[in-house]
Amino acid sequence: ASRRSARLAAVRGALALCPVWFAANVTYNVSLAHTTVTTSTVLASSSAAFTLLLSIALLGEHVGADRSTAFKVAGVLACWAGNVLAVVDAAGPTAAATGGGGGGGGR
C-alpha cells in the first residue's frame, strides 16, 4: 500500500508541475522571436541562480559552511561567469567593427 501511495503522490506532483513546465517552455520559445540569442542564453543560464535564491527564500534552504552549499554556490558562480563571457563576446570589438556577427562583407 505504501508503494502505491508513493506512486500516486508522484503522479499528482507531475500533474501539478506539467502545466507550469509547459507554460514556461511556451513563453520561452515565444520570447526567442523578440530578443537576441545572447539575451536568451543569458536568461536561460541564469536559472541556476534563480533556483538557488528561490530555494533559500521559499523553502528555507540553509546557506551554511557545509560542502554541498559550497558546490551550489560554485555552480551558480560558474553559470554567471559563463553569462559574463557570453555578453562580453557578443559586445566584443569584432561585432562593433563589422556591424554584427556572422555573414560576409557584402561587397
N, C-alpha and C. Protein backbone atom coordinates (compact mmCIF):
# COMPACT_ATOMS: atom_id res chain seq x y z
N ALA A 1 0.82 -1.20 0.00
CA ALA A 1 0.00 0.00 0.00
C ALA A 1 0.86 1.25 0.00
N SER A 2 2.01 1.21 0.66
CA SER A 2 2.84 2.42 0.71
C SER A 2 3.48 2.71 -0.64
N ARG A 3 3.78 1.64 -1.41
CA ARG A 3 4.33 1.87 -2.75
C ARG A 3 3.30 2.53 -3.65
N ARG A 4 2.06 2.09 -3.50
CA ARG A 4 1.00 2.66 -4.33
C ARG A 4 0.75 4.12 -3.96
N SER A 5 0.76 4.44 -2.66
CA SER A 5 0.54 5.82 -2.25
C SER A 5 1.71 6.71 -2.68
N ALA A 6 2.92 6.17 -2.66
CA ALA A 6 4.08 6.94 -3.13
C ALA A 6 3.98 7.19 -4.62
N ARG A 7 3.56 6.19 -5.36
CA ARG A 7 3.40 6.35 -6.81
C ARG A 7 2.29 7.35 -7.12
N LEU A 8 1.20 7.29 -6.37
CA LEU A 8 0.10 8.23 -6.56
C LEU A 8 0.54 9.66 -6.25
N ALA A 9 1.34 9.82 -5.22
CA ALA A 9 1.85 11.14 -4.88
C ALA A 9 2.76 11.68 -5.98
N ALA A 10 3.56 10.80 -6.58
CA ALA A 10 4.44 11.22 -7.67
C ALA A 10 3.62 11.63 -8.90
N VAL A 11 2.56 10.89 -9.18
CA VAL A 11 1.70 11.22 -10.32
C VAL A 11 1.00 12.56 -10.07
N ARG A 12 0.51 12.78 -8.87
CA ARG A 12 -0.14 14.06 -8.55
C ARG A 12 0.84 15.22 -8.69
N GLY A 13 2.05 15.02 -8.20
CA GLY A 13 3.07 16.07 -8.33
C GLY A 13 3.39 16.37 -9.78
N ALA A 14 3.50 15.32 -10.59
CA ALA A 14 3.78 15.51 -12.01
C ALA A 14 2.64 16.24 -12.71
N LEU A 15 1.41 15.88 -12.38
CA LEU A 15 0.26 16.55 -12.99
C LEU A 15 0.17 18.02 -12.58
N ALA A 16 0.61 18.33 -11.38
CA ALA A 16 0.61 19.73 -10.95
C ALA A 16 1.73 20.51 -11.63
N LEU A 17 2.85 19.87 -11.87
CA LEU A 17 4.01 20.55 -12.44
C LEU A 17 3.94 20.68 -13.95
N CYS A 18 3.32 19.73 -14.63
CA CYS A 18 3.31 19.72 -16.10
C CYS A 18 2.76 21.01 -16.73
N PRO A 19 1.63 21.54 -16.29
CA PRO A 19 1.14 22.78 -16.92
C PRO A 19 2.09 23.96 -16.72
N VAL A 20 2.72 24.04 -15.56
CA VAL A 20 3.67 25.12 -15.30
C VAL A 20 4.88 24.97 -16.20
N TRP A 21 5.40 23.76 -16.31
CA TRP A 21 6.56 23.49 -17.15
C TRP A 21 6.25 23.79 -18.62
N PHE A 22 5.06 23.38 -19.08
CA PHE A 22 4.65 23.63 -20.45
C PHE A 22 4.53 25.13 -20.71
N ALA A 23 3.91 25.86 -19.79
CA ALA A 23 3.77 27.31 -19.96
C ALA A 23 5.13 28.00 -19.99
N ALA A 24 6.04 27.56 -19.16
CA ALA A 24 7.39 28.14 -19.15
C ALA A 24 8.08 27.91 -20.48
N ASN A 25 7.96 26.72 -21.03
CA ASN A 25 8.59 26.44 -22.32
C ASN A 25 7.96 27.21 -23.46
N VAL A 26 6.65 27.34 -23.43
CA VAL A 26 5.96 28.10 -24.48
C VAL A 26 6.38 29.57 -24.43
N THR A 27 6.37 30.17 -23.25
CA THR A 27 6.75 31.58 -23.16
C THR A 27 8.22 31.78 -23.53
N TYR A 28 9.09 30.84 -23.19
CA TYR A 28 10.50 30.95 -23.58
C TYR A 28 10.62 30.92 -25.10
N ASN A 29 9.93 29.98 -25.74
CA ASN A 29 10.01 29.88 -27.20
C ASN A 29 9.41 31.10 -27.89
N VAL A 30 8.36 31.66 -27.35
CA VAL A 30 7.78 32.88 -27.91
C VAL A 30 8.76 34.04 -27.75
N SER A 31 9.46 34.08 -26.62
CA SER A 31 10.40 35.18 -26.37
C SER A 31 11.57 35.17 -27.34
N LEU A 32 11.89 34.01 -27.91
CA LEU A 32 13.01 33.94 -28.85
C LEU A 32 12.78 34.80 -30.08
N ALA A 33 11.53 35.02 -30.42
CA ALA A 33 11.22 35.87 -31.57
C ALA A 33 11.37 37.36 -31.25
N HIS A 34 11.51 37.70 -29.97
CA HIS A 34 11.54 39.10 -29.57
C HIS A 34 12.85 39.54 -28.93
N THR A 35 13.88 38.72 -28.99
CA THR A 35 15.14 39.08 -28.34
C THR A 35 16.31 38.46 -29.10
N THR A 36 17.51 38.79 -28.67
CA THR A 36 18.69 38.23 -29.31
C THR A 36 19.02 36.87 -28.72
N VAL A 37 19.85 36.14 -29.42
CA VAL A 37 20.27 34.83 -28.93
C VAL A 37 21.08 34.99 -27.64
N THR A 38 21.91 36.01 -27.57
CA THR A 38 22.73 36.23 -26.37
C THR A 38 21.86 36.47 -25.15
N THR A 39 20.88 37.34 -25.28
CA THR A 39 19.98 37.63 -24.16
C THR A 39 19.23 36.39 -23.74
N SER A 40 18.76 35.65 -24.70
CA SER A 40 18.04 34.41 -24.40
C SER A 40 18.94 33.41 -23.67
N THR A 41 20.18 33.28 -24.12
CA THR A 41 21.11 32.35 -23.49
C THR A 41 21.42 32.77 -22.06
N VAL A 42 21.63 34.06 -21.86
CA VAL A 42 21.94 34.54 -20.51
C VAL A 42 20.77 34.30 -19.57
N LEU A 43 19.57 34.57 -20.02
CA LEU A 43 18.40 34.34 -19.17
C LEU A 43 18.21 32.86 -18.86
N ALA A 44 18.40 32.00 -19.85
CA ALA A 44 18.25 30.57 -19.62
C ALA A 44 19.34 30.06 -18.68
N SER A 45 20.54 30.56 -18.83
CA SER A 45 21.65 30.12 -17.97
C SER A 45 21.53 30.65 -16.56
N SER A 46 20.76 31.69 -16.38
CA SER A 46 20.59 32.27 -15.05
C SER A 46 19.64 31.47 -14.18
N SER A 47 19.02 30.46 -14.72
CA SER A 47 18.03 29.70 -13.96
C SER A 47 18.64 29.04 -12.72
N ALA A 48 19.90 28.66 -12.78
CA ALA A 48 20.54 28.05 -11.60
C ALA A 48 20.59 29.03 -10.44
N ALA A 49 20.91 30.27 -10.73
CA ALA A 49 20.96 31.28 -9.68
C ALA A 49 19.57 31.54 -9.10
N PHE A 50 18.58 31.65 -9.99
CA PHE A 50 17.23 31.89 -9.51
C PHE A 50 16.71 30.70 -8.70
N THR A 51 17.07 29.50 -9.11
CA THR A 51 16.66 28.31 -8.36
C THR A 51 17.24 28.32 -6.96
N LEU A 52 18.52 28.65 -6.85
CA LEU A 52 19.15 28.70 -5.53
C LEU A 52 18.53 29.80 -4.67
N LEU A 53 18.35 30.98 -5.25
CA LEU A 53 17.77 32.09 -4.48
C LEU A 53 16.34 31.79 -4.03
N LEU A 54 15.54 31.21 -4.91
CA LEU A 54 14.16 30.88 -4.54
C LEU A 54 14.11 29.75 -3.52
N SER A 55 15.05 28.80 -3.59
CA SER A 55 15.05 27.74 -2.59
C SER A 55 15.43 28.29 -1.22
N ILE A 56 16.26 29.31 -1.20
CA ILE A 56 16.60 29.96 0.07
C ILE A 56 15.39 30.73 0.59
N ALA A 57 14.76 31.51 -0.30
CA ALA A 57 13.66 32.37 0.11
C ALA A 57 12.38 31.60 0.44
N LEU A 58 12.03 30.63 -0.40
CA LEU A 58 10.73 29.96 -0.25
C LEU A 58 10.78 28.66 0.54
N LEU A 59 11.88 27.93 0.41
CA LEU A 59 11.97 26.62 1.05
C LEU A 59 12.83 26.63 2.30
N GLY A 60 13.45 27.76 2.59
CA GLY A 60 14.28 27.85 3.78
C GLY A 60 15.59 27.09 3.67
N GLU A 61 16.10 26.96 2.44
CA GLU A 61 17.40 26.30 2.23
C GLU A 61 18.46 27.01 3.05
N HIS A 62 19.23 26.24 3.78
CA HIS A 62 20.27 26.84 4.63
C HIS A 62 21.55 27.02 3.83
N VAL A 63 22.07 28.23 3.86
CA VAL A 63 23.33 28.52 3.20
C VAL A 63 24.38 28.60 4.29
N GLY A 64 24.99 27.49 4.54
CA GLY A 64 25.98 27.41 5.61
C GLY A 64 27.35 27.07 5.05
N ALA A 65 28.18 26.57 5.90
CA ALA A 65 29.54 26.26 5.52
C ALA A 65 29.72 24.79 5.12
N ASP A 66 28.62 24.06 4.93
CA ASP A 66 28.78 22.65 4.56
C ASP A 66 29.21 22.52 3.10
N ARG A 67 29.65 21.36 2.76
CA ARG A 67 30.24 21.12 1.44
C ARG A 67 29.23 21.26 0.31
N SER A 68 28.00 20.80 0.52
CA SER A 68 27.01 20.88 -0.56
C SER A 68 26.67 22.32 -0.90
N THR A 69 26.63 23.19 0.10
CA THR A 69 26.36 24.60 -0.17
C THR A 69 27.49 25.22 -0.97
N ALA A 70 28.71 24.85 -0.65
CA ALA A 70 29.85 25.38 -1.40
C ALA A 70 29.76 24.98 -2.87
N PHE A 71 29.35 23.74 -3.14
CA PHE A 71 29.20 23.29 -4.52
C PHE A 71 28.05 24.04 -5.22
N LYS A 72 26.97 24.28 -4.50
CA LYS A 72 25.84 25.01 -5.08
C LYS A 72 26.26 26.43 -5.46
N VAL A 73 26.94 27.10 -4.55
CA VAL A 73 27.37 28.48 -4.81
C VAL A 73 28.41 28.49 -5.93
N ALA A 74 29.32 27.52 -5.94
CA ALA A 74 30.32 27.44 -7.01
C ALA A 74 29.65 27.22 -8.37
N GLY A 75 28.61 26.40 -8.40
CA GLY A 75 27.87 26.18 -9.63
C GLY A 75 27.18 27.43 -10.13
N VAL A 76 26.58 28.17 -9.22
CA VAL A 76 25.92 29.42 -9.60
C VAL A 76 26.95 30.43 -10.10
N LEU A 77 28.08 30.52 -9.43
CA LEU A 77 29.14 31.44 -9.87
C LEU A 77 29.69 31.04 -11.24
N ALA A 78 29.80 29.74 -11.50
CA ALA A 78 30.25 29.28 -12.81
C ALA A 78 29.24 29.66 -13.90
N CYS A 79 27.95 29.54 -13.58
CA CYS A 79 26.92 29.96 -14.54
C CYS A 79 27.02 31.44 -14.84
N TRP A 80 27.19 32.23 -13.81
CA TRP A 80 27.30 33.68 -14.01
C TRP A 80 28.57 34.06 -14.75
N ALA A 81 29.66 33.34 -14.51
CA ALA A 81 30.89 33.60 -15.25
C ALA A 81 30.66 33.32 -16.74
N GLY A 82 29.97 32.25 -17.04
CA GLY A 82 29.63 31.96 -18.43
C GLY A 82 28.74 33.02 -19.03
N ASN A 83 27.79 33.53 -18.27
CA ASN A 83 26.93 34.60 -18.75
C ASN A 83 27.75 35.85 -19.09
N VAL A 84 28.68 36.18 -18.20
CA VAL A 84 29.53 37.36 -18.44
C VAL A 84 30.35 37.16 -19.71
N LEU A 85 30.92 35.97 -19.88
CA LEU A 85 31.70 35.70 -21.08
C LEU A 85 30.85 35.79 -22.35
N ALA A 86 29.61 35.32 -22.29
CA ALA A 86 28.72 35.40 -23.45
C ALA A 86 28.40 36.85 -23.80
N VAL A 87 28.16 37.67 -22.79
CA VAL A 87 27.85 39.07 -23.03
C VAL A 87 29.07 39.81 -23.57
N VAL A 88 30.23 39.55 -22.99
CA VAL A 88 31.47 40.21 -23.45
C VAL A 88 31.77 39.80 -24.88
N ASP A 89 31.58 38.52 -25.20
CA ASP A 89 31.83 38.06 -26.56
C ASP A 89 30.87 38.70 -27.54
N ALA A 90 29.61 38.83 -27.15
CA ALA A 90 28.61 39.41 -28.04
C ALA A 90 28.86 40.90 -28.28
N ALA A 91 29.44 41.57 -27.30
CA ALA A 91 29.69 43.01 -27.42
C ALA A 91 31.16 43.30 -27.73
N GLY A 92 31.89 42.28 -28.17
CA GLY A 92 33.32 42.43 -28.42
C GLY A 92 33.63 43.34 -29.58
N PRO A 93 34.92 43.62 -29.79
CA PRO A 93 35.34 44.55 -30.85
C PRO A 93 35.02 44.03 -32.25
N THR A 94 34.96 42.72 -32.44
CA THR A 94 34.64 42.17 -33.75
C THR A 94 33.22 42.53 -34.16
N ALA A 95 32.30 42.40 -33.23
CA ALA A 95 30.91 42.73 -33.54
C ALA A 95 30.75 44.22 -33.81
N ALA A 96 31.46 45.07 -33.04
CA ALA A 96 31.34 46.52 -33.24
C ALA A 96 32.01 46.95 -34.53
N ALA A 97 33.14 46.34 -34.88
CA ALA A 97 33.89 46.75 -36.08
C ALA A 97 33.21 46.31 -37.36
N THR A 98 32.51 45.20 -37.35
CA THR A 98 31.92 44.67 -38.58
C THR A 98 30.42 44.89 -38.66
N GLY A 99 29.85 45.51 -37.65
CA GLY A 99 28.42 45.76 -37.69
C GLY A 99 27.61 44.56 -37.27
N GLY A 100 28.18 43.67 -36.52
CA GLY A 100 27.45 42.50 -36.04
C GLY A 100 28.17 41.23 -36.39
N GLY A 101 27.69 40.15 -35.88
CA GLY A 101 28.34 38.87 -36.11
C GLY A 101 27.84 38.19 -37.35
N GLY A 102 28.64 37.28 -37.87
CA GLY A 102 28.23 36.43 -38.98
C GLY A 102 28.16 37.13 -40.30
N GLY A 103 28.08 36.38 -41.34
CA GLY A 103 27.90 36.93 -42.67
C GLY A 103 29.17 37.50 -43.26
N GLY A 104 29.10 37.79 -44.52
CA GLY A 104 30.25 38.34 -45.23
C GLY A 104 30.20 39.86 -45.28
N GLY A 105 31.13 40.40 -46.02
CA GLY A 105 31.24 41.85 -46.14
C GLY A 105 30.21 42.46 -47.06
N GLY A 106 29.67 41.67 -47.98
CA GLY A 106 28.63 42.17 -48.88
C GLY A 106 29.15 43.08 -49.97
N ARG A 107 30.40 42.90 -50.37
CA ARG A 107 30.96 43.78 -51.41
C ARG A 107 30.80 43.22 -52.77
